[in-house]
Amino acid sequence: MDIDGKYEIIEMELWNKEDIDLTETGYFEIDGNSGCLHFICVDGNMNIKNKKDKYVFSWEGNDESDPASGHGEFIYEKDMLIGRIYFHEGDSSSFKAIKNRS
């Protein structure tokens, strides 16, 4: 199963779609064991590991130019990522992201 590709974030527990897409369409992009993410004013690089029944990741980047980091987890199901992202000492939110077909 190949999860590489770009996924548009379509839903998050804490933020509505308009907020997620504030500066550009929110996304996760995966390439092997690494990737990147963007939503609202959050940008980050991810290190991804495949566990038995899910994927886990750590991420590091910025939130409105302030350093930010955290971790998360997701499952891959029918071209969709379903998971949760955590900010170090901050919020956490569930998310759903669908694979772009372009």
Protein backbone atom coordinates (compact mmCIF):
# COMPACT_ATOMS: atom_id res chain seq x y z
CA MET A 1 0.00 0.00 0.00
CA ASP A 2 1.55 3.26 -1.14
CA ILE A 3 0.55 6.30 0.88
CA ASP A 4 2.93 8.73 -0.88
CA GLY A 5 1.20 11.83 -2.21
CA LYS A 6 -0.51 15.05 -1.26
CA TYR A 7 -3.67 15.01 0.87
CA GLU A 8 -6.06 17.92 1.28
CA ILE A 9 -7.20 18.42 4.86
CA ILE A 10 -10.99 18.37 4.67
CA GLU A 11 -11.85 18.36 8.37
CA MET A 12 -10.30 19.15 11.74
CA GLU A 13 -11.90 18.95 15.16
CA LEU A 14 -10.74 22.39 16.36
CA TRP A 15 -10.91 24.47 13.19
CA ASN A 16 -13.37 24.92 10.35
CA LYS A 17 -12.40 24.53 6.69
CA GLU A 18 -12.16 28.30 6.14
CA ASP A 19 -9.59 28.55 8.95
CA ILE A 20 -7.68 25.44 7.81
CA ASP A 21 -7.29 27.02 4.34
CA LEU A 22 -6.46 30.53 5.65
CA THR A 23 -3.24 31.09 3.66
CA GLU A 24 -3.53 28.15 1.22
CA THR A 25 -5.34 24.84 1.08
CA GLY A 26 -4.40 22.79 4.16
CA TYR A 27 -2.50 19.60 3.39
CA PHE A 28 -0.26 16.72 4.39
CA GLU A 29 2.32 15.65 1.82
CA ILE A 30 4.05 12.29 2.23
CA ASP A 31 7.16 10.96 0.51
CA GLY A 32 8.41 7.75 2.06
CA ASN A 33 9.33 8.27 5.71
CA SER A 34 9.17 12.05 5.50
CA GLY A 35 6.63 14.66 4.66
CA CYS A 36 5.34 18.14 5.32
CA LEU A 37 2.15 19.70 6.58
CA HIS A 38 0.38 23.03 6.35
CA PHE A 39 -2.85 24.41 7.81
CA ILE A 40 -3.90 27.86 9.06
CA CYS A 41 -0.44 29.46 9.69
CA VAL A 42 1.23 26.18 10.71
CA ASP A 43 4.00 24.68 8.59
CA GLY A 44 6.09 21.66 9.49
CA ASN A 45 8.29 18.80 8.36
CA MET A 46 7.34 15.29 9.40
CA ASN A 47 9.24 12.09 10.19
CA ILE A 48 6.84 9.17 9.62
CA LYS A 49 7.01 5.58 10.89
CA ASN A 50 4.79 2.69 9.89
CA LYS A 51 3.60 0.79 12.97
CA LYS A 52 1.59 -2.44 12.85
CA ASP A 53 -1.89 -0.91 12.57
CA LYS A 54 -1.19 2.82 12.05
CA TYR A 55 1.37 5.44 11.10
CA VAL A 56 2.98 7.70 13.69
CA PHE A 57 4.87 10.91 13.07
CA SER A 58 6.80 13.64 14.77
CA TRP A 59 6.81 17.12 13.29
CA GLU A 60 8.77 20.32 13.67
CA GLY A 61 8.14 23.72 12.13
CA ASN A 62 6.41 26.96 12.98
CA ASP A 63 3.07 28.49 13.88
CA GLU A 64 2.86 32.11 12.69
CA SER A 65 6.69 32.19 12.57
CA ASP A 66 7.01 30.94 16.17
CA PRO A 67 8.76 27.58 16.61
CA ALA A 68 6.27 24.71 16.93
CA SER A 69 6.52 20.93 17.12
CA GLY A 70 4.61 17.86 18.13
CA HIS A 71 3.57 14.41 17.03
CA GLY A 72 0.61 12.60 15.60
CA GLU A 73 -0.84 9.40 14.26
CA PHE A 74 -3.10 8.32 11.44
CA ILE A 75 -4.55 5.36 9.62
CA TYR A 76 -4.75 5.13 5.84
CA GLU A 77 -8.16 4.07 4.57
CA LYS A 78 -9.53 4.36 1.02
CA ASP A 79 -7.21 7.23 -0.07
CA MET A 80 -7.88 9.06 3.21
CA LEU A 81 -5.75 9.84 6.26
CA ILE A 82 -7.73 9.76 9.50
CA GLY A 83 -5.82 10.75 12.59
CA ARG A 84 -4.82 13.20 15.29
CA ILE A 85 -2.12 15.87 15.47
CA TYR A 86 -0.64 17.11 18.75
CA PHE A 87 1.20 20.37 19.44
CA HIS A 88 3.95 20.14 22.07
CA GLU A 89 2.44 21.64 25.26
CA GLY A 90 -0.62 22.80 23.32
CA ASP A 91 -3.70 21.81 21.36
CA SER A 92 -4.51 18.55 19.69
CA SER A 93 -7.03 17.94 16.94
CA SER A 94 -8.42 15.08 14.95
CA PHE A 95 -8.19 15.41 11.18
CA LYS A 96 -9.31 13.87 7.91
CA ALA A 97 -7.40 14.40 4.68
CA ILE A 98 -8.19 13.06 1.22
CA LYS A 99 -5.60 12.15 -1.41
CA ASN A 100 -5.33 14.50 -4.38
CA ARG A 101 -5.80 12.77 -7.71
CA SER A 102 -3.91 15.34 -9.81
